[in-house]
Structures are given as C-alpha cells and as structure tokens.
C-alpha atoms as a PDB file:
ATOM      1  CA  MET A   1     -69.515-115.119  -6.984  1.00  0.00           C
ATOM      2  CA  LEU A   2     -70.555-118.511  -5.513  1.00  0.00           C
ATOM      3  CA  THR A   3     -68.764-121.766  -6.311  1.00  0.00           C
ATOM      4  CA  THR A   4     -69.863-124.592  -5.595  1.00  0.00           C
ATOM      5  CA  ARG A   5     -68.080-128.264  -5.544  1.00  0.00           C
ATOM      6  CA  GLY A   6     -70.631-130.806  -7.087  1.00  0.00           C
ATOM      7  CA  ALA A   7     -71.060-134.564  -6.194  1.00  0.00           C
ATOM      8  CA  ALA A   8     -68.820-136.377  -8.804  1.00  0.00           C
ATOM      9  CA  LEU A   9     -65.776-136.740 -11.224  1.00  0.00           C
ATOM     10  CA  ARG A  10     -67.569-138.209 -13.957  1.00  0.00           C
ATOM     11  CA  ALA A  11     -67.143-138.235 -17.656  1.00  0.00           C
ATOM     12  CA  ALA A  12     -67.521-134.376 -18.869  1.00  0.00           C
ATOM     13  CA  ALA A  13     -71.091-134.529 -20.047  1.00  0.00           C
ATOM     14  CA  ALA A  14     -71.795-136.243 -16.211  1.00  0.00           C
ATOM     15  CA  ALA A  15     -69.829-133.469 -14.414  1.00  0.00           C
ATOM     16  CA  ALA A  16     -71.628-130.866 -16.270  1.00  0.00           C
ATOM     17  CA  CYS A  17     -74.918-132.671 -16.007  1.00  0.00           C
ATOM     18  CA  LEU A  18     -74.753-132.625 -12.180  1.00  0.00           C
ATOM     19  CA  ALA A  19     -73.066-129.069 -12.036  1.00  0.00           C
ATOM     20  CA  ALA A  20     -76.383-127.990 -14.414  1.00  0.00           C
ATOM     21  CA  LEU A  21     -78.683-130.034 -11.492  1.00  0.00           C
ATOM     22  CA  CYS A  22     -77.336-127.798  -8.543  1.00  0.00           C
ATOM     23  CA  GLY A  23     -77.722-124.301 -10.415  1.00  0.00           C
ATOM     24  CA  CYS A  24     -74.104-124.452 -10.132  1.00  0.00           C
ATOM     25  CA  SER A  25     -70.876-124.351 -11.548  1.00  0.00           C
ATOM     26  CA  SER A  26     -67.349-125.430 -10.951  1.00  0.00           C
ATOM     27  CA  ALA A  27     -66.481-121.797 -12.267  1.00  0.00           C
ATOM     28  CA  SER A  28     -62.673-123.311 -12.836  1.00  0.00           C
ATOM     29  CA  GLY A  29     -63.721-126.578 -14.394  1.00  0.00           C
ATOM     30  CA  ALA A  30     -62.209-128.267 -11.426  1.00  0.00           C
ATOM     31  CA  THR A  31     -63.420-131.640 -12.530  1.00  0.00           C
ATOM     32  CA  ALA A  32     -60.174-133.235 -12.368  1.00  0.00           C
ATOM     33  CA  THR A  33     -60.059-136.777 -13.848  1.00  0.00           C
ATOM     34  CA  SER A  34     -56.688-137.783 -12.126  1.00  0.00           C
ATOM     35  CA  PRO A  35     -54.752-136.231  -9.249  1.00  0.00           C
ATOM     36  CA  ALA A  36     -51.369-135.224  -9.250  1.00  0.00           C
ATOM     37  CA  THR A  37     -48.257-136.975  -9.226  1.00  0.00           C
ATOM     38  CA  PRO A  38     -46.057-136.513  -6.669  1.00  0.00           C
ATOM     39  CA  SER A  39     -43.786-135.235  -8.652  1.00  0.00           C
ATOM     40  CA  SER A  40     -45.469-133.021 -10.768  1.00  0.00           C
ATOM     41  CA  PRO A  41     -44.927-129.090 -10.581  1.00  0.00           C
ATOM     42  CA  ALA A  42     -48.897-129.115  -8.678  1.00  0.00           C
ATOM     43  CA  ALA A  43     -47.874-131.369  -6.611  1.00  0.00           C
ATOM     44  CA  SER A  44     -44.717-130.590  -5.036  1.00  0.00           C
ATOM     45  CA  ALA A  45     -46.352-126.547  -4.781  1.00  0.00           C
ATOM     46  CA  ALA A  46     -49.287-128.188  -2.720  1.00  0.00           C
ATOM     47  CA  GLY A  47     -48.745-128.410   1.319  1.00  0.00           C
ATOM     48  CA  ALA A  48     -46.589-131.047   3.119  1.00  0.00           C
ATOM     49  CA  ASP A  49     -49.687-132.233   4.583  1.00  0.00           C
ATOM     50  CA  GLN A  50     -51.058-133.119   1.531  1.00  0.00           C
ATOM     51  CA  ALA A  51     -47.969-135.592   0.728  1.00  0.00           C
ATOM     52  CA  VAL A  52     -48.171-137.088   4.114  1.00  0.00           C
ATOM     53  CA  ALA A  53     -51.643-138.193   3.717  1.00  0.00           C
ATOM     54  CA  LEU A  54     -50.792-139.088  -0.236  1.00  0.00           C
ATOM     55  CA  ALA A  55     -48.100-141.371   0.982  1.00  0.00           C
ATOM     56  CA  ASP A  56     -49.816-144.556   0.963  1.00  0.00           C
ATOM     57  CA  GLY A  57     -51.816-144.132  -2.353  1.00  0.00           C
ATOM     58  CA  ARG A  58     -55.085-144.015  -0.280  1.00  0.00           C
ATOM     59  CA  VAL A  59     -57.392-141.210   1.295  1.00  0.00           C
ATOM     60  CA  SER A  60     -59.406-142.429   4.083  1.00  0.00           C
ATOM     61  CA  ALA A  61     -62.606-140.371   4.905  1.00  0.00           C
ATOM     62  CA  ALA A  62     -60.587-139.272   8.529  1.00  0.00           C
ATOM     63  CA  GLU A  63     -57.957-137.682   5.775  1.00  0.00           C
ATOM     64  CA  TYR A  64     -60.204-136.349   3.941  1.00  0.00           C
ATOM     65  CA  ALA A  65     -62.496-134.668   6.714  1.00  0.00           C
ATOM     66  CA  GLY A  66     -59.055-133.451   8.493  1.00  0.00           C
ATOM     67  CA  ALA A  67     -57.724-131.650   5.018  1.00  0.00           C
ATOM     68  CA  PHE A  68     -61.091-130.021   5.123  1.00  0.00           C
ATOM     69  CA  ALA A  69     -61.125-128.649   7.921  1.00  0.00           C
ATOM     70  CA  LYS A  70     -57.564-127.317   7.468  1.00  0.00           C
ATOM     71  CA  PHE A  71     -58.660-125.828   3.556  1.00  0.00           C
ATOM     72  CA  SER A  72     -61.808-124.298   5.310  1.00  0.00           C
ATOM     73  CA  GLN A  73     -60.128-122.729   8.493  1.00  0.00           C
ATOM     74  CA  CYS A  74     -57.328-121.423   5.916  1.00  0.00           C
ATOM     75  CA  ALA A  75     -59.753-120.183   3.616  1.00  0.00           C
ATOM     76  CA  THR A  76     -61.909-118.363   6.369  1.00  0.00           C
ATOM     77  CA  SER A  77     -59.760-116.994   8.713  1.00  0.00           C
ATOM     78  CA  GLY A  78     -58.579-115.041   5.374  1.00  0.00           C
ATOM     79  CA  GLY A  79     -62.025-114.111   4.394  1.00  0.00           C
ATOM     80  CA  GLY A  80     -63.112-116.627   2.059  1.00  0.00           C
ATOM     81  CA  ARG A  81     -66.062-118.512   2.342  1.00  0.00           C
ATOM     82  CA  VAL A  82     -66.657-122.402   2.380  1.00  0.00           C
ATOM     83  CA  LYS A  83     -70.409-123.291   3.721  1.00  0.00           C
ATOM     84  CA  VAL A  84     -70.803-127.036   3.934  1.00  0.00           C
ATOM     85  CA  ASP A  85     -73.912-128.028   2.589  1.00  0.00           C
ATOM     86  CA  ALA A  86     -74.210-132.086   3.009  1.00  0.00           C
ATOM     87  CA  ARG A  87     -71.865-134.888   4.345  1.00  0.00           C
ATOM     88  CA  ASP A  88     -72.638-138.214   3.233  1.00  0.00           C
ATOM     89  CA  PRO A  89     -72.975-141.464   4.810  1.00  0.00           C
ATOM     90  CA  GLY A  90     -69.230-142.602   3.132  1.00  0.00           C
ATOM     91  CA  GLY A  91     -67.383-139.233   4.282  1.00  0.00           C
ATOM     92  CA  TYR A  92     -68.092-137.042   0.829  1.00  0.00           C
ATOM     93  CA  ILE A  93     -68.317-133.375   2.003  1.00  0.00           C
ATOM     94  CA  HIS A  94     -70.849-131.077  -0.396  1.00  0.00           C
ATOM     95  CA  TYR A  95     -69.905-127.386   0.311  1.00  0.00           C
ATOM     96  CA  GLU A  96     -69.808-124.069  -1.898  1.00  0.00           C
ATOM     97  CA  VAL A  97     -66.871-121.630  -1.840  1.00  0.00           C
ATOM     98  CA  GLY A  98     -66.553-117.714  -2.916  1.00  0.00           C
ATOM     99  CA  GLY A  99     -64.226-117.864  -5.506  1.00  0.00           C
ATOM    100  CA  ILE A 100     -62.711-119.967  -7.932  1.00  0.00           C
ATOM    101  CA  LEU A 101     -60.326-123.218  -7.105  1.00  0.00           C
ATOM    102  CA  GLY A 102     -58.799-124.797  -9.539  1.00  0.00           C
ATOM    103  CA  PRO A 103     -58.073-128.519 -10.686  1.00  0.00           C
ATOM    104  CA  PRO A 104     -54.984-129.528  -8.739  1.00  0.00           C
ATOM    105  CA  GLU A 105     -52.605-129.474 -11.714  1.00  0.00           C
ATOM    106  CA  GLN A 106     -53.947-125.693 -12.602  1.00  0.00           C
ATOM    107  CA  PRO A 107     -54.811-124.196  -9.443  1.00  0.00           C
ATOM    108  CA  ASP A 108     -56.066-120.498  -8.972  1.00  0.00           C
ATOM    109  CA  THR A 109     -54.219-118.854  -6.783  1.00  0.00           C
ATOM    110  CA  THR A 110     -55.703-115.882  -7.170  1.00  0.00           C
ATOM    111  CA  THR A 111     -58.649-116.293  -4.323  1.00  0.00           C
ATOM    112  CA  VAL A 112     -57.602-117.297  -0.793  1.00  0.00           C
ATOM    113  CA  GLU A 113     -60.063-120.503  -1.423  1.00  0.00           C
ATOM    114  CA  GLY A 114     -57.965-121.714  -3.942  1.00  0.00           C
ATOM    115  CA  ARG A 115     -54.727-120.861  -2.627  1.00  0.00           C
ATOM    116  CA  CYS A 116     -56.357-122.447   1.123  1.00  0.00           C
ATOM    117  CA  TYR A 117     -57.511-125.105  -1.617  1.00  0.00           C
ATOM    118  CA  HIS A 118     -54.046-125.641  -3.248  1.00  0.00           C
ATOM    119  CA  GLN A 119     -52.511-126.113   0.164  1.00  0.00           C
ATOM    120  CA  TYR A 120     -54.716-128.415   1.621  1.00  0.00           C
ATOM    121  CA  LEU A 121     -56.802-130.388  -0.109  1.00  0.00           C
ATOM    122  CA  ASP A 122     -57.064-130.477  -4.063  1.00  0.00           C
ATOM    123  CA  GLN A 123     -55.451-133.633  -4.189  1.00  0.00           C
ATOM    124  CA  ILE A 124     -56.733-134.934  -1.375  1.00  0.00           C
ATOM    125  CA  GLU A 125     -60.194-134.751  -2.417  1.00  0.00           C
ATOM    126  CA  VAL A 126     -59.698-135.687  -5.888  1.00  0.00           C
ATOM    127  CA  VAL A 127     -58.265-139.198  -4.810  1.00  0.00           C
ATOM    128  CA  PHE A 128     -60.499-139.801  -1.990  1.00  0.00           C
ATOM    129  CA  GLN A 129     -63.348-138.827  -4.612  1.00  0.00           C
ATOM    130  CA  THR A 130     -61.780-141.055  -6.674  1.00  0.00           C
ATOM    131  CA  THR A 131     -60.432-144.371  -4.825  1.00  0.00           C
ATOM    132  CA  ASN A 132     -62.614-143.719  -1.435  1.00  0.00           C
ATOM    133  CA  PRO A 133     -64.721-147.237  -1.418  1.00  0.00           C
ATOM    134  CA  GLY A 134     -67.303-144.582   0.598  1.00  0.00           C
ATOM    135  CA  ALA A 135     -66.974-141.345  -1.396  1.00  0.00           C
ATOM    136  CA  LEU A 136     -67.709-143.866  -4.697  1.00  0.00           C
ATOM    137  CA  SER A 137     -70.440-145.415  -2.962  1.00  0.00           C
ATOM    138  CA  ASP A 138     -72.165-141.541  -2.281  1.00  0.00           C
ATOM    139  CA  ILE A 139     -71.220-140.176  -5.563  1.00  0.00           C
ATOM    140  CA  ALA A 140     -73.037-143.324  -7.642  1.00  0.00           C
ATOM    141  CA  GLN A 141     -76.221-142.904  -5.228  1.00  0.00           C
ATOM    142  CA  ALA A 142     -76.337-139.085  -6.293  1.00  0.00           C
ATOM    143  CA  ASP A 143     -75.831-139.537  -9.679  1.00  0.00           C
ATOM    144  CA  ARG A 144     -78.044-142.132  -9.657  1.00  0.00           C
ATOM    145  CA  LEU A 145     -80.832-139.115  -8.056  1.00  0.00           C
ATOM    146  CA  VAL A 146     -80.153-136.572 -10.653  1.00  0.00           C
ATOM    147  CA  TYR A 147     -80.591-139.100 -13.311  1.00  0.00           C
ATOM    148  CA  LYS A 148     -84.094-140.091 -11.935  1.00  0.00           C
ATOM    149  CA  SER A 149     -85.481-137.128 -10.240  1.00  0.00           C
ATOM    150  CA  THR A 150     -83.712-134.431 -13.502  1.00  0.00           C
ATOM    151  CA  ILE A 151     -82.419-136.241 -16.564  1.00  0.00           C
ATOM    152  CA  TYR A 152     -85.009-139.190 -16.856  1.00  0.00           C
ATOM    153  CA  PRO A 153     -87.836-136.407 -16.890  1.00  0.00           C
ATOM    154  CA  CYS A 154     -86.478-134.057 -19.190  1.00  0.00           C
ATOM    155  CA  LEU A 155     -85.580-137.345 -22.025  1.00  0.00           C
ATOM    156  CA  LYS A 156     -89.282-138.777 -21.564  1.00  0.00           C
ATOM    157  CA  LYS A 157     -90.770-135.188 -21.960  1.00  0.00           C
ATOM    158  CA  ASN A 158     -88.788-135.061 -25.334  1.00  0.00           C
ATOM    159  CA  ASN A 159     -89.978-138.599 -26.381  1.00  0.00           C
ATOM    160  CA  VAL A 160     -86.234-139.777 -25.947  1.00  0.00           C
ATOM    161  CA  THR A 161     -86.611-143.742 -24.928  1.00  0.00           C
ATOM    162  CA  ALA A 162     -84.831-144.600 -21.695  1.00  0.00           C
ATOM    163  CA  PRO A 163     -85.527-146.874 -18.809  1.00  0.00           C
ATOM    164  CA  ALA A 164     -86.575-144.929 -15.694  1.00  0.00           C
ATOM    165  CA  ASP A 165     -83.174-146.661 -13.565  1.00  0.00           C
ATOM    166  CA  VAL A 166     -79.978-146.579 -15.054  1.00  0.00           C
ATOM    167  CA  ASN A 167     -76.589-146.712 -13.672  1.00  0.00           C
ATOM    168  CA  PRO A 168     -75.035-143.502 -15.114  1.00  0.00           C
ATOM    169  CA  ASP A 169     -71.603-144.725 -14.848  1.00  0.00           C
ATOM    170  CA  SER A 170     -72.877-147.303 -18.101  1.00  0.00           C
ATOM    171  CA  ALA A 171     -72.509-146.642 -21.335  1.00  0.00           C
ATOM    172  CA  GLU A 172     -76.211-146.322 -22.161  1.00  0.00           C
ATOM    173  CA  GLY A 173     -76.398-144.076 -18.457  1.00  0.00           C
ATOM    174  CA  THR A 174     -73.693-141.789 -20.231  1.00  0.00           C
ATOM    175  CA  ALA A 175     -74.775-141.594 -24.024  1.00  0.00           C
ATOM    176  CA  LEU A 176     -78.669-140.727 -21.952  1.00  0.00           C
ATOM    177  CA  THR A 177     -76.933-138.022 -19.958  1.00  0.00           C
ATOM    178  CA  GLU A 178     -75.008-136.587 -22.953  1.00  0.00           C
ATOM    179  CA  GLN A 179     -78.608-136.152 -24.894  1.00  0.00           C
ATOM    180  CA  TRP A 180     -79.805-134.605 -21.649  1.00  0.00           C
ATOM    181  CA  ALA A 181     -77.212-132.098 -22.033  1.00  0.00           C
ATOM    182  CA  THR A 182     -78.249-131.429 -25.387  1.00  0.00           C
ATOM    183  CA  LEU A 183     -81.943-131.011 -24.785  1.00  0.00           C
ATOM    184  CA  ARG A 184     -80.867-128.928 -21.921  1.00  0.00           C
ATOM    185  CA  ARG A 185     -78.885-126.851 -24.148  1.00  0.00           C
ATOM    186  CA  GLU A 186     -81.509-126.363 -26.774  1.00  0.00           C
ATOM    187  CA  GLY A 187     -83.617-125.381 -23.855  1.00  0.00           C
ATOM    188  CA  LYS A 188     -85.943-128.194 -23.955  1.00  0.00           C
ATOM    189  CA  CYS A 189     -85.584-129.002 -20.193  1.00  0.00           C
END
C-alpha cells in the first residue's frame, strides 16, 4: 500500500479533492484540522523532540525539515518506505509512505512508518502546515493550481458556472470544490 501525504490541510471536501487529484489518498484520513495539545494523550506519547520543537507554539522550516529527516530515517531503517516527491520553496515536503500513518490524535502504530511519524513528525507537521507562512503560501499555490487544472475544467464540462480562477479557501471556492467532488463521485469528471 502506498499512502501519500498531500498538499493541504483544508476543509474536508478540499482535502479530498487534493488527494483525488494526486491519484493518492491518505488511507488513514490523516488530514488533521488541529494539532494535538501538549497535554493530550497523543501529545504525551509522541517523542520528546516534538515537544522541544513545539515549545514556542511555532514550527520553522528548519525544524520541520529536521523532524522530517528523523521520521524518514527511522521509517527506512525499520524497513518502511518514505519517498520525497517534491519540496516547496516555503519548506513543505510532499512525500509518500508505504504504510498508514494516522493523525496525531489517533496514530496508527501498526506500521513502522506510523510509529516513526508519531514519534518524530505528526504534531510538528500539523503546526507547520497550519501556521508557517511559507508552508501556507506553498499550500495556497498548490490549491490554486488544483482548481485551475482539474476542478475548473470539470465544472465547465458539466455546465457549472464558475470563474477560471478562485481562491480555494473562499466560500465560493469551497462551494465549487464541493460541487466538483460530487461530480467526480458521480463519474462525471
């Protein structure tokens, strides 16, 4: 099984759209909407490295890259698979793994990738993706590209009135993305 960690933490429909566009999925549904808090059970079970990186409430690109490197080394040395697909200018890393990871609040520890992800990266990744200006910029650009290259052409083909460019995070963008998801489920895209 190959699981890909996608480009964005978004509304459920937008996250599903990005996963569908990539032809990949997060088998665990691991698009968390908020990080585990330091006092939560998931946070207390995570590695001490994450607690140190999260102590100031922010995650820099360097901290994210360092945590990702530890996760990758842990997983691959344990026989797992981690493949980097791309690195965005703001520091966000697009990658694939060979096992299920699980979100921070429900880590999947049945796979080496899941155990290592929970130990070194899960909370750091959520905070980085949702608060780091560089990562947010990377994600917004990726979301816009998805809309222009996949969502808009499908909507147009199905006679849905839609602008050629829209902010995917806006109310209009979310509604159009939801329409696209419905059309895709119906086999119309």
